[in-house]
């Protein structure tokens, strides 16, 4: 398979590709969706309902923050198609995330010092498409993350476009247009869940993705909440883990109250206090704290075993 495009993508500093690769390697919902070889990573992206490209991401040869991109495809790509692939990769790795305002606040929070040291250069890694995130978070409703991830992988394997590069077959998650015409009953576990996934897919697909990325947060959240089958957790998850909107997150949920206790101790700040401290960057607090705590635990365990 030929290389059809190469480019250098910029990232807003601070940025470290190694941190992104480490985060992706531990991102259970998308485990196995990409291959990692040292400081290089390859992943498939849907070009259409029947075509995929494989993006290879590696360190830039210069000292600028960002990544070197190499794209494989079965045919030459138009300028619009290469621009689209670049945007997909940039969104996937959060290259444009400007963490400076968050870091300015977080550096004044003593409890976050070990977290910031552990996650230096990390931008949020995300689901590669809104379609993929929508399906995954809908499948988690009344189910476990393990089953949701397994069912998401089955959908990709059966419906997603694919491309082989160097003897390895890469499968991209299908686009909304492919999902909307597919029978999902064999993937969801039961007819009710299949109907819910189809309903949510249709509702989210009807929204303008670029508008969801740029509209006032409350308006984007309310638009998602008006989709039948989308609740508070799913709406916030799509905004943060797919679209990179850090404005808010459901801090009252046990998974986040547990993070706050792990960071601050037995008497952590309340969700409201955290929102007041971190303002529209509280989503970065939640993301980096969860990742950082996991990395610190693994680093300590590895050091003890050495």
C-alpha atoms as a PDB file:
ATOM      1  CA  UNK A   1       0.000   0.000   0.000  1.00  0.00           C
ATOM      2  CA  UNK A   2       1.422   3.366  -1.026  1.00  0.00           C
ATOM      3  CA  UNK A   3       2.129   6.440   1.019  1.00  0.00           C
ATOM      4  CA  UNK A   4      -0.148   9.085  -0.465  1.00  0.00           C
ATOM      5  CA  UNK A   5       0.477  11.997   1.873  1.00  0.00           C
ATOM      6  CA  UNK A   6       3.018  13.235   4.405  1.00  0.00           C
ATOM      7  CA  UNK A   7       2.890  16.349   6.537  1.00  0.00           C
ATOM      8  CA  UNK A   8       3.965  17.846   9.838  1.00  0.00           C
ATOM      9  CA  UNK A   9       1.132  18.637  12.242  1.00  0.00           C
ATOM     10  CA  UNK A  10       1.624  21.268  14.914  1.00  0.00           C
ATOM     11  CA  UNK A  11       0.533  20.873  18.514  1.00  0.00           C
ATOM     12  CA  UNK A  12      -0.108  23.561  21.099  1.00  0.00           C
ATOM     13  CA  UNK A  13       2.719  23.305  23.646  1.00  0.00           C
ATOM     14  CA  UNK A  14       3.437  21.633  25.925  1.00  0.00           C
ATOM     15  CA  UNK A  15       3.033  18.408  23.951  1.00  0.00           C
ATOM     16  CA  UNK A  16       4.735  14.996  24.073  1.00  0.00           C
ATOM     17  CA  UNK A  17       3.785  12.251  21.628  1.00  0.00           C
ATOM     18  CA  UNK A  18       5.122   9.672  24.070  1.00  0.00           C
ATOM     19  CA  UNK A  19       2.495  10.749  26.593  1.00  0.00           C
ATOM     20  CA  UNK A  20      -0.241  10.359  23.965  1.00  0.00           C
ATOM     21  CA  UNK A  21       0.971   6.872  23.081  1.00  0.00           C
ATOM     22  CA  UNK A  22       1.036   5.876  26.745  1.00  0.00           C
ATOM     23  CA  UNK A  23      -2.501   7.174  27.217  1.00  0.00           C
ATOM     24  CA  UNK A  24      -3.753   5.366  24.110  1.00  0.00           C
ATOM     25  CA  UNK A  25      -2.093   2.144  25.245  1.00  0.00           C
ATOM     26  CA  UNK A  26      -4.135   2.288  28.451  1.00  0.00           C
ATOM     27  CA  UNK A  27      -7.393   3.491  26.864  1.00  0.00           C
ATOM     28  CA  UNK A  28      -9.482   0.335  27.326  1.00  0.00           C
ATOM     29  CA  UNK A  29     -12.497   1.345  25.149  1.00  0.00           C
ATOM     30  CA  UNK A  30     -10.188   1.493  22.116  1.00  0.00           C
ATOM     31  CA  UNK A  31      -7.732  -1.274  23.004  1.00  0.00           C
ATOM     32  CA  UNK A  32      -6.438  -2.963  19.868  1.00  0.00           C
ATOM     33  CA  UNK A  33      -7.775  -0.260  17.552  1.00  0.00           C
ATOM     34  CA  UNK A  34      -4.244   0.882  16.708  1.00  0.00           C
ATOM     35  CA  UNK A  35      -0.744  -0.595  16.589  1.00  0.00           C
ATOM     36  CA  UNK A  36       2.171   0.876  18.497  1.00  0.00           C
ATOM     37  CA  UNK A  37       5.788   0.311  17.549  1.00  0.00           C
ATOM     38  CA  UNK A  38       8.055   2.281  19.840  1.00  0.00           C
ATOM     39  CA  UNK A  39       7.361   5.964  19.239  1.00  0.00           C
ATOM     40  CA  UNK A  40       5.225   5.296  16.161  1.00  0.00           C
ATOM     41  CA  UNK A  41       1.509   4.543  16.034  1.00  0.00           C
ATOM     42  CA  UNK A  42      -0.783   3.505  13.167  1.00  0.00           C
ATOM     43  CA  UNK A  43      -4.561   3.713  13.065  1.00  0.00           C
ATOM     44  CA  UNK A  44      -7.311   3.445  10.436  1.00  0.00           C
ATOM     45  CA  UNK A  45      -9.780   6.239   9.769  1.00  0.00           C
ATOM     46  CA  UNK A  46     -12.898   5.998   7.631  1.00  0.00           C
ATOM     47  CA  UNK A  47     -12.632   7.902   4.372  1.00  0.00           C
ATOM     48  CA  UNK A  48     -16.124   6.821   3.267  1.00  0.00           C
ATOM     49  CA  UNK A  49     -18.498   3.950   3.974  1.00  0.00           C
ATOM     50  CA  UNK A  50     -16.264   1.621   1.947  1.00  0.00           C
ATOM     51  CA  UNK A  51     -12.784   3.176   2.110  1.00  0.00           C
ATOM     52  CA  UNK A  52     -10.278   3.583   4.903  1.00  0.00           C
ATOM     53  CA  UNK A  53      -6.907   5.236   5.203  1.00  0.00           C
ATOM     54  CA  UNK A  54      -4.192   4.352   7.688  1.00  0.00           C
ATOM     55  CA  UNK A  55      -2.498   7.220   9.478  1.00  0.00           C
ATOM     56  CA  UNK A  56       1.012   6.707  10.815  1.00  0.00           C
ATOM     57  CA  UNK A  57       2.011   9.155  13.516  1.00  0.00           C
ATOM     58  CA  UNK A  58       5.621   9.579  14.613  1.00  0.00           C
ATOM     59  CA  UNK A  59       7.786  12.269  16.232  1.00  0.00           C
ATOM     60  CA  UNK A  60       8.532  15.346  14.174  1.00  0.00           C
ATOM     61  CA  UNK A  61      12.080  15.499  12.782  1.00  0.00           C
ATOM     62  CA  UNK A  62      12.458  19.065  14.073  1.00  0.00           C
ATOM     63  CA  UNK A  63      12.126  20.442  17.574  1.00  0.00           C
ATOM     64  CA  UNK A  64       8.639  21.890  17.128  1.00  0.00           C
ATOM     65  CA  UNK A  65       5.774  20.421  19.182  1.00  0.00           C
ATOM     66  CA  UNK A  66       3.557  18.132  17.127  1.00  0.00           C
ATOM     67  CA  UNK A  67       3.767  14.965  15.054  1.00  0.00           C
ATOM     68  CA  UNK A  68       4.895  13.730  11.660  1.00  0.00           C
ATOM     69  CA  UNK A  69       1.988  12.264   9.703  1.00  0.00           C
ATOM     70  CA  UNK A  70       2.202   9.643   6.968  1.00  0.00           C
ATOM     71  CA  UNK A  71      -1.011   8.481   5.267  1.00  0.00           C
ATOM     72  CA  UNK A  72      -1.495   5.177   3.432  1.00  0.00           C
ATOM     73  CA  UNK A  73      -4.414   4.663   1.044  1.00  0.00           C
ATOM     74  CA  UNK A  74      -5.484   2.493  -1.866  1.00  0.00           C
ATOM     75  CA  UNK A  75      -5.599   5.548  -4.143  1.00  0.00           C
ATOM     76  CA  UNK A  76      -4.461   9.131  -4.305  1.00  0.00           C
ATOM     77  CA  UNK A  77      -6.356  11.545  -2.110  1.00  0.00           C
ATOM     78  CA  UNK A  78      -7.751  14.932  -3.006  1.00  0.00           C
ATOM     79  CA  UNK A  79      -6.682  18.051  -1.140  1.00  0.00           C
ATOM     80  CA  UNK A  80      -9.991  18.044   0.721  1.00  0.00           C
ATOM     81  CA  UNK A  81      -9.502  14.407   1.742  1.00  0.00           C
ATOM     82  CA  UNK A  82      -5.966  14.963   3.051  1.00  0.00           C
ATOM     83  CA  UNK A  83      -7.205  17.978   5.010  1.00  0.00           C
ATOM     84  CA  UNK A  84      -9.961  15.831   6.492  1.00  0.00           C
ATOM     85  CA  UNK A  85      -7.500  13.115   7.556  1.00  0.00           C
ATOM     86  CA  UNK A  86      -5.231  15.716   9.152  1.00  0.00           C
ATOM     87  CA  UNK A  87      -8.186  17.102  11.106  1.00  0.00           C
ATOM     88  CA  UNK A  88      -9.197  13.600  12.225  1.00  0.00           C
ATOM     89  CA  UNK A  89      -5.701  12.872  13.515  1.00  0.00           C
ATOM     90  CA  UNK A  90      -5.464  16.272  15.196  1.00  0.00           C
ATOM     91  CA  UNK A  91      -8.825  15.774  16.953  1.00  0.00           C
ATOM     92  CA  UNK A  92      -7.916  12.196  17.933  1.00  0.00           C
ATOM     93  CA  UNK A  93      -4.684  13.277  19.643  1.00  0.00           C
ATOM     94  CA  UNK A  94      -6.025  16.620  20.910  1.00  0.00           C
ATOM     95  CA  UNK A  95      -3.149  18.440  19.203  1.00  0.00           C
ATOM     96  CA  UNK A  96      -4.917  21.799  19.263  1.00  0.00           C
ATOM     97  CA  UNK A  97      -5.814  21.650  22.954  1.00  0.00           C
ATOM     98  CA  UNK A  98      -4.530  24.756  24.716  1.00  0.00           C
ATOM     99  CA  UNK A  99      -3.881  23.604  28.277  1.00  0.00           C
ATOM    100  CA  UNK A 100      -2.079  26.801  29.304  1.00  0.00           C
ATOM    101  CA  UNK A 101      -5.095  28.384  31.105  1.00  0.00           C
ATOM    102  CA  UNK A 102      -5.748  25.142  32.961  1.00  0.00           C
ATOM    103  CA  UNK A 103      -2.081  24.722  33.894  1.00  0.00           C
ATOM    104  CA  UNK A 104      -1.928  28.286  35.203  1.00  0.00           C
ATOM    105  CA  UNK A 105      -4.608  27.331  37.743  1.00  0.00           C
ATOM    106  CA  UNK A 106      -3.392  23.789  38.407  1.00  0.00           C
ATOM    107  CA  UNK A 107       0.157  24.896  39.254  1.00  0.00           C
ATOM    108  CA  UNK A 108      -1.296  26.857  42.186  1.00  0.00           C
ATOM    109  CA  UNK A 109      -2.926  23.661  43.490  1.00  0.00           C
ATOM    110  CA  UNK A 110      -0.281  21.822  45.587  1.00  0.00           C
ATOM    111  CA  UNK A 111      -2.147  18.513  45.420  1.00  0.00           C
ATOM    112  CA  UNK A 112      -1.798  18.457  41.645  1.00  0.00           C
ATOM    113  CA  UNK A 113       1.978  18.801  41.501  1.00  0.00           C
ATOM    114  CA  UNK A 114       2.679  15.042  41.203  1.00  0.00           C
ATOM    115  CA  UNK A 115      -0.171  14.726  38.663  1.00  0.00           C
ATOM    116  CA  UNK A 116       1.223  17.513  36.497  1.00  0.00           C
ATOM    117  CA  UNK A 117       4.724  16.061  36.664  1.00  0.00           C
ATOM    118  CA  UNK A 118       3.495  12.612  35.635  1.00  0.00           C
ATOM    119  CA  UNK A 119       1.358  13.869  32.745  1.00  0.00           C
ATOM    120  CA  UNK A 120       3.639  16.606  31.385  1.00  0.00           C
ATOM    121  CA  UNK A 121       3.010  17.073  27.673  1.00  0.00           C
ATOM    122  CA  UNK A 122      -0.173  15.002  27.643  1.00  0.00           C
ATOM    123  CA  UNK A 123      -3.095  16.239  25.571  1.00  0.00           C
ATOM    124  CA  UNK A 124      -6.389  14.406  25.802  1.00  0.00           C
ATOM    125  CA  UNK A 125      -6.599  11.375  23.499  1.00  0.00           C
ATOM    126  CA  UNK A 126     -10.121  10.736  22.269  1.00  0.00           C
ATOM    127  CA  UNK A 127     -12.404   8.495  20.334  1.00  0.00           C
ATOM    128  CA  UNK A 128     -11.464   8.875  16.687  1.00  0.00           C
ATOM    129  CA  UNK A 129     -14.960   9.867  15.585  1.00  0.00           C
ATOM    130  CA  UNK A 130     -18.251  11.100  16.971  1.00  0.00           C
ATOM    131  CA  UNK A 131     -19.923   7.977  15.551  1.00  0.00           C
ATOM    132  CA  UNK A 132     -17.576   5.709  17.510  1.00  0.00           C
ATOM    133  CA  UNK A 133     -18.020   7.606  20.761  1.00  0.00           C
ATOM    134  CA  UNK A 134     -21.787   7.740  20.349  1.00  0.00           C
ATOM    135  CA  UNK A 135     -22.040   3.982  19.881  1.00  0.00           C
ATOM    136  CA  UNK A 136     -19.667   3.178  22.742  1.00  0.00           C
ATOM    137  CA  UNK A 137     -21.278   5.398  25.359  1.00  0.00           C
ATOM    138  CA  UNK A 138     -24.753   4.240  24.368  1.00  0.00           C
ATOM    139  CA  UNK A 139     -23.637   0.622  24.697  1.00  0.00           C
ATOM    140  CA  UNK A 140     -22.356   1.304  28.229  1.00  0.00           C
ATOM    141  CA  UNK A 141     -25.880   2.121  29.397  1.00  0.00           C
ATOM    142  CA  UNK A 142     -27.014  -0.716  31.697  1.00  0.00           C
ATOM    143  CA  UNK A 143     -23.925  -2.674  30.711  1.00  0.00           C
ATOM    144  CA  UNK A 144     -20.220  -2.804  31.526  1.00  0.00           C
ATOM    145  CA  UNK A 145     -17.408  -0.990  29.782  1.00  0.00           C
ATOM    146  CA  UNK A 146     -15.859  -4.347  28.841  1.00  0.00           C
ATOM    147  CA  UNK A 147     -18.974  -5.514  27.001  1.00  0.00           C
ATOM    148  CA  UNK A 148     -19.451  -2.101  25.400  1.00  0.00           C
ATOM    149  CA  UNK A 149     -15.889  -2.134  24.067  1.00  0.00           C
ATOM    150  CA  UNK A 150     -16.244  -5.715  22.809  1.00  0.00           C
ATOM    151  CA  UNK A 151     -19.503  -4.899  21.013  1.00  0.00           C
ATOM    152  CA  UNK A 152     -17.992  -1.744  19.539  1.00  0.00           C
ATOM    153  CA  UNK A 153     -15.108  -3.802  18.137  1.00  0.00           C
ATOM    154  CA  UNK A 154     -17.560  -6.290  16.610  1.00  0.00           C
ATOM    155  CA  UNK A 155     -19.420  -3.467  14.886  1.00  0.00           C
ATOM    156  CA  UNK A 156     -16.149  -2.176  13.441  1.00  0.00           C
ATOM    157  CA  UNK A 157     -15.080  -5.654  12.338  1.00  0.00           C
ATOM    158  CA  UNK A 158     -18.356  -6.300  10.528  1.00  0.00           C
ATOM    159  CA  UNK A 159     -19.253  -2.857   9.172  1.00  0.00           C
ATOM    160  CA  UNK A 160     -16.061  -0.785   9.103  1.00  0.00           C
ATOM    161  CA  UNK A 161     -13.911  -0.126   6.040  1.00  0.00           C
ATOM    162  CA  UNK A 162     -10.420  -1.618   6.161  1.00  0.00           C
ATOM    163  CA  UNK A 163      -6.963  -1.329   4.680  1.00  0.00           C
ATOM    164  CA  UNK A 164      -3.879  -3.564   4.877  1.00  0.00           C
ATOM    165  CA  UNK A 165      -0.468  -1.973   5.372  1.00  0.00           C
ATOM    166  CA  UNK A 166       2.721  -4.044   5.646  1.00  0.00           C
ATOM    167  CA  UNK A 167       0.676  -7.205   6.108  1.00  0.00           C
ATOM    168  CA  UNK A 168      -1.446  -5.815   8.935  1.00  0.00           C
ATOM    169  CA  UNK A 169      -5.170  -5.214   8.420  1.00  0.00           C
ATOM    170  CA  UNK A 170      -6.499  -2.024   9.986  1.00  0.00           C
ATOM    171  CA  UNK A 171     -10.227  -1.489  10.474  1.00  0.00           C
ATOM    172  CA  UNK A 172     -11.850   1.927  10.876  1.00  0.00           C
ATOM    173  CA  UNK A 173     -15.028   2.445  12.844  1.00  0.00           C
ATOM    174  CA  UNK A 174     -17.929   3.006  10.417  1.00  0.00           C
ATOM    175  CA  UNK A 175     -19.378   6.446   9.834  1.00  0.00           C
ATOM    176  CA  UNK A 176     -22.882   7.502  10.863  1.00  0.00           C
ATOM    177  CA  UNK A 177     -24.112   6.936   7.297  1.00  0.00           C
ATOM    178  CA  UNK A 178     -23.094   3.268   7.429  1.00  0.00           C
ATOM    179  CA  UNK A 179     -24.517   2.756  10.914  1.00  0.00           C
ATOM    180  CA  UNK A 180     -27.861   4.314   9.990  1.00  0.00           C
ATOM    181  CA  UNK A 181     -28.576   1.639   7.383  1.00  0.00           C
ATOM    182  CA  UNK A 182     -27.166  -1.331   9.316  1.00  0.00           C
ATOM    183  CA  UNK A 183     -29.038  -3.904  11.377  1.00  0.00           C
ATOM    184  CA  UNK A 184     -27.453  -3.526  14.807  1.00  0.00           C
ATOM    185  CA  UNK A 185     -29.519  -6.222  16.519  1.00  0.00           C
ATOM    186  CA  UNK A 186     -26.682  -8.734  16.379  1.00  0.00           C
ATOM    187  CA  UNK A 187     -24.218  -6.424  18.089  1.00  0.00           C
ATOM    188  CA  UNK A 188     -26.062  -4.873  21.015  1.00  0.00           C
ATOM    189  CA  UNK A 189     -26.862  -7.891  23.154  1.00  0.00           C
ATOM    190  CA  UNK A 190     -30.648  -7.533  23.101  1.00  0.00           C
ATOM    191  CA  UNK A 191     -33.319  -5.922  20.887  1.00  0.00           C
ATOM    192  CA  UNK A 192     -34.025  -3.060  23.302  1.00  0.00           C
ATOM    193  CA  UNK A 193     -30.366  -2.007  23.407  1.00  0.00           C
ATOM    194  CA  UNK A 194     -30.094  -2.301  19.629  1.00  0.00           C
ATOM    195  CA  UNK A 195     -33.123  -0.040  19.212  1.00  0.00           C
ATOM    196  CA  UNK A 196     -31.620   2.461  21.669  1.00  0.00           C
ATOM    197  CA  UNK A 197     -28.287   2.529  19.828  1.00  0.00           C
ATOM    198  CA  UNK A 198     -30.039   3.059  16.494  1.00  0.00           C
ATOM    199  CA  UNK A 199     -32.156   5.854  17.973  1.00  0.00           C
ATOM    200  CA  UNK A 200     -29.190   7.637  19.556  1.00  0.00           C
ATOM    201  CA  UNK A 201     -27.076   7.240  16.410  1.00  0.00           C
ATOM    202  CA  UNK A 202     -29.827   8.822  14.319  1.00  0.00           C
ATOM    203  CA  UNK A 203     -30.326  11.658  16.801  1.00  0.00           C
ATOM    204  CA  UNK A 204     -26.655  12.575  17.201  1.00  0.00           C
ATOM    205  CA  UNK A 205     -25.995  12.198  13.469  1.00  0.00           C
ATOM    206  CA  UNK A 206     -28.702  14.797  12.813  1.00  0.00           C
ATOM    207  CA  UNK A 207     -26.725  17.390  14.809  1.00  0.00           C
ATOM    208  CA  UNK A 208     -23.952  19.453  13.269  1.00  0.00           C
ATOM    209  CA  UNK A 209     -20.649  18.133  14.645  1.00  0.00           C
ATOM    210  CA  UNK A 210     -18.757  21.366  14.086  1.00  0.00           C
ATOM    211  CA  UNK A 211     -21.509  23.270  15.879  1.00  0.00           C
ATOM    212  CA  UNK A 212     -21.243  20.830  18.822  1.00  0.00           C
ATOM    213  CA  UNK A 213     -17.519  21.606  18.979  1.00  0.00           C
ATOM    214  CA  UNK A 214     -17.885  25.384  18.917  1.00  0.00           C
ATOM    215  CA  UNK A 215     -21.334  26.331  20.250  1.00  0.00           C
ATOM    216  CA  UNK A 216     -21.721  27.621  23.819  1.00  0.00           C
ATOM    217  CA  UNK A 217     -21.293  24.592  26.032  1.00  0.00           C
ATOM    218  CA  UNK A 218     -24.751  24.724  27.575  1.00  0.00           C
ATOM    219  CA  UNK A 219     -26.370  24.856  24.142  1.00  0.00           C
ATOM    220  CA  UNK A 220     -24.342  21.906  22.843  1.00  0.00           C
ATOM    221  CA  UNK A 221     -25.106  19.905  25.999  1.00  0.00           C
ATOM    222  CA  UNK A 222     -28.823  20.682  25.787  1.00  0.00           C
ATOM    223  CA  UNK A 223     -28.915  19.681  22.109  1.00  0.00           C
ATOM    224  CA  UNK A 224     -27.454  16.286  23.015  1.00  0.00           C
ATOM    225  CA  UNK A 225     -29.814  15.892  25.975  1.00  0.00           C
ATOM    226  CA  UNK A 226     -32.741  16.417  23.624  1.00  0.00           C
ATOM    227  CA  UNK A 227     -31.724  13.280  21.726  1.00  0.00           C
ATOM    228  CA  UNK A 228     -33.883  10.442  22.990  1.00  0.00           C
ATOM    229  CA  UNK A 229     -31.651   7.940  24.785  1.00  0.00           C
ATOM    230  CA  UNK A 230     -28.934  10.455  25.727  1.00  0.00           C
ATOM    231  CA  UNK A 231     -28.695  11.182  29.437  1.00  0.00           C
ATOM    232  CA  UNK A 232     -26.462  13.443  31.490  1.00  0.00           C
ATOM    233  CA  UNK A 233     -23.476  11.084  31.586  1.00  0.00           C
ATOM    234  CA  UNK A 234     -23.588  10.318  27.859  1.00  0.00           C
ATOM    235  CA  UNK A 235     -23.933  13.982  26.912  1.00  0.00           C
ATOM    236  CA  UNK A 236     -20.966  15.013  29.063  1.00  0.00           C
ATOM    237  CA  UNK A 237     -18.928  12.033  27.874  1.00  0.00           C
ATOM    238  CA  UNK A 238     -19.482  12.903  24.217  1.00  0.00           C
ATOM    239  CA  UNK A 239     -18.557  16.516  24.829  1.00  0.00           C
ATOM    240  CA  UNK A 240     -15.354  15.715  26.741  1.00  0.00           C
ATOM    241  CA  UNK A 241     -14.081  12.345  25.500  1.00  0.00           C
ATOM    242  CA  UNK A 242     -15.042  12.806  21.830  1.00  0.00           C
ATOM    243  CA  UNK A 243     -15.283  16.536  21.147  1.00  0.00           C
ATOM    244  CA  UNK A 244     -12.707  17.756  23.661  1.00  0.00           C
ATOM    245  CA  UNK A 245     -15.027  20.184  25.464  1.00  0.00           C
ATOM    246  CA  UNK A 246     -13.512  20.665  28.928  1.00  0.00           C
ATOM    247  CA  UNK A 247     -16.172  23.036  30.265  1.00  0.00           C
ATOM    248  CA  UNK A 248     -17.829  20.594  32.662  1.00  0.00           C
ATOM    249  CA  UNK A 249     -18.043  16.965  33.716  1.00  0.00           C
ATOM    250  CA  UNK A 250     -20.393  15.125  36.120  1.00  0.00           C
ATOM    251  CA  UNK A 251     -18.147  15.470  39.184  1.00  0.00           C
ATOM    252  CA  UNK A 252     -20.916  14.195  41.468  1.00  0.00           C
ATOM    253  CA  UNK A 253     -20.532  10.669  40.050  1.00  0.00           C
ATOM    254  CA  UNK A 254     -18.642   8.143  42.176  1.00  0.00           C
ATOM    255  CA  UNK A 255     -15.829   7.765  39.657  1.00  0.00           C
ATOM    256  CA  UNK A 256     -14.983  11.460  40.059  1.00  0.00           C
ATOM    257  CA  UNK A 257     -15.581  11.781  43.801  1.00  0.00           C
ATOM    258  CA  UNK A 258     -13.154   8.872  44.177  1.00  0.00           C
ATOM    259  CA  UNK A 259     -10.579  10.731  42.087  1.00  0.00           C
ATOM    260  CA  UNK A 260     -10.990  13.832  44.241  1.00  0.00           C
ATOM    261  CA  UNK A 261     -10.402  11.771  47.407  1.00  0.00           C
ATOM    262  CA  UNK A 262      -7.327  10.137  45.880  1.00  0.00           C
ATOM    263  CA  UNK A 263      -5.884  13.544  44.965  1.00  0.00           C
ATOM    264  CA  UNK A 264      -6.861  15.626  48.007  1.00  0.00           C
ATOM    265  CA  UNK A 265      -7.389  13.130  50.811  1.00  0.00           C
ATOM    266  CA  UNK A 266     -10.317  12.346  53.062  1.00  0.00           C
ATOM    267  CA  UNK A 267     -11.845  15.846  52.904  1.00  0.00           C
ATOM    268  CA  UNK A 268     -11.658  16.797  49.227  1.00  0.00           C
ATOM    269  CA  UNK A 269     -13.170  19.927  47.705  1.00  0.00           C
ATOM    270  CA  UNK A 270     -16.777  19.552  46.640  1.00  0.00           C
ATOM    271  CA  UNK A 271     -17.755  19.335  42.975  1.00  0.00           C
ATOM    272  CA  UNK A 272     -18.937  22.938  43.159  1.00  0.00           C
ATOM    273  CA  UNK A 273     -15.625  24.082  44.639  1.00  0.00           C
ATOM    274  CA  UNK A 274     -13.701  22.302  41.887  1.00  0.00           C
ATOM    275  CA  UNK A 275     -15.879  23.980  39.261  1.00  0.00           C
ATOM    276  CA  UNK A 276     -15.232  27.356  40.872  1.00  0.00           C
ATOM    277  CA  UNK A 277     -11.461  26.764  40.972  1.00  0.00           C
ATOM    278  CA  UNK A 278     -11.022  25.359  37.485  1.00  0.00           C
ATOM    279  CA  UNK A 279     -13.906  27.046  35.668  1.00  0.00           C
ATOM    280  CA  UNK A 280     -14.204  25.999  32.017  1.00  0.00           C
ATOM    281  CA  UNK A 281     -11.159  23.714  32.374  1.00  0.00           C
ATOM    282  CA  UNK A 282     -12.584  21.366  35.000  1.00  0.00           C
ATOM    283  CA  UNK A 283     -12.779  18.645  32.354  1.00  0.00           C
ATOM    284  CA  UNK A 284      -8.988  18.776  32.039  1.00  0.00           C
ATOM    285  CA  UNK A 285      -8.754  18.434  35.829  1.00  0.00           C
ATOM    286  CA  UNK A 286     -10.872  15.273  35.687  1.00  0.00           C
ATOM    287  CA  UNK A 287      -9.022  13.790  32.734  1.00  0.00           C
ATOM    288  CA  UNK A 288      -5.454  14.494  33.850  1.00  0.00           C
ATOM    289  CA  UNK A 289      -6.144  13.446  37.432  1.00  0.00           C
ATOM    290  CA  UNK A 290      -7.577  10.091  36.388  1.00  0.00           C
ATOM    291  CA  UNK A 291      -4.722   9.426  33.964  1.00  0.00           C
ATOM    292  CA  UNK A 292      -2.043  10.742  36.315  1.00  0.00           C
ATOM    293  CA  UNK A 293      -3.196   8.709  39.302  1.00  0.00           C
ATOM    294  CA  UNK A 294      -3.074   5.555  37.210  1.00  0.00           C
ATOM    295  CA  UNK A 295       0.386   6.334  35.896  1.00  0.00           C
ATOM    296  CA  UNK A 296       1.732   7.176  39.338  1.00  0.00           C
ATOM    297  CA  UNK A 297       0.391   3.899  40.743  1.00  0.00           C
ATOM    298  CA  UNK A 298       1.961   1.889  37.923  1.00  0.00           C
ATOM    299  CA  UNK A 299       5.264   3.741  38.227  1.00  0.00           C
ATOM    300  CA  UNK A 300       5.413   3.023  41.960  1.00  0.00           C
ATOM    301  CA  UNK A 301       4.556  -0.648  41.380  1.00  0.00           C
ATOM    302  CA  UNK A 302       7.222  -0.937  38.675  1.00  0.00           C
ATOM    303  CA  UNK A 303       9.819   0.712  40.902  1.00  0.00           C
ATOM    304  CA  UNK A 304       9.007  -1.648  43.763  1.00  0.00           C
ATOM    305  CA  UNK A 305       9.294  -4.659  41.474  1.00  0.00           C
ATOM    306  CA  UNK A 306      12.641  -3.566  40.049  1.00  0.00           C
END
